[in-house]
């Protein structure tokens, strides 16, 4: 039996149709960000992995609808999607292969439902995105879109208590990760008509949007990239305590995700103004080392938990 089928069994997902739905969502999640998918597959306990896949696939499917095509078409597609999701939440069932696994996962993790509803209330912030005038606008976007989207998955790793501290830690981390994505994907976003760095930051560095669109290697452009990468680095360092807020089973994954962002930061810093022409790729050997290190930690942790449970059962 494959590891995936074992994970479905461990998660209690027995219905053949539902298993097929989860399997399709696994393929969607794997296509989006391969390193994060591999980390989740290697580092999460089997019973948790399919549920993380379902939440991740829902987030990516929604994000694709918000980002793809002319605005009027995106608005209509997302409105129809939101209607189907709300009908599924209200009735407890859906004919859509992305929504069905989400609903099943929400029965295993009831807290997910509230995060889905919060996401639906705020997701149109991405649909209406037209750029940031100020840093305050960037922070509002984190609150209105990035954090609710991240919490769809993060809530499955959350502790039973200290919800406020956990959410605050998630916000700090996703602010750093989103800012890193914005500067690393600057060339791609500009080609799609999106400027994701606040205009006040451009003015501070003495560059224009046209300078960035034309990939002009100006002193101001280099200063801009250095400045934004520095913001991401500082915020990512502030987000590292999130690892300690996550229950033990989720810590290897959180450490890996932070380490992947650190590798991307290093690559982006080396590329510098080259980011105006294309994204930086994190070191593949570095990513493999991260996965192997955290996999070893996860195995040790599970063996220790198994010994403790065996000892407790013997004592009882």
Foldseek 3Di string as FASTA:
>chain_A
DDLLVVLCVLLVNDDPVLSVLLVVLLVQLCVPDVLLSVLLSLQFPSNLSSLLSLLSSVLVVLVCLLQDDDLVSSVVVNVVVLVQLVVCVVVLAHPDSSNHSNSVSCVVVVVLVVLVVLQSVQVCCSSPDQEAQDVVRLLVCLVRHQLSSVCNNVVSQADPDPPVVLSVLSSLQSSLVVLLCLLQQVQVCVVVVYRHDHPVLLVVLVHDSVCLNVLPPDSSQLVSSVVSLVVSVVSLVVSVCSLVRTPPSCNLSVVLVSQLSVQQSVQCNVCRSVSSVHGGHGDPVSSVVSSVVSSVVSVVVVVVVVVVVVVVVVVD
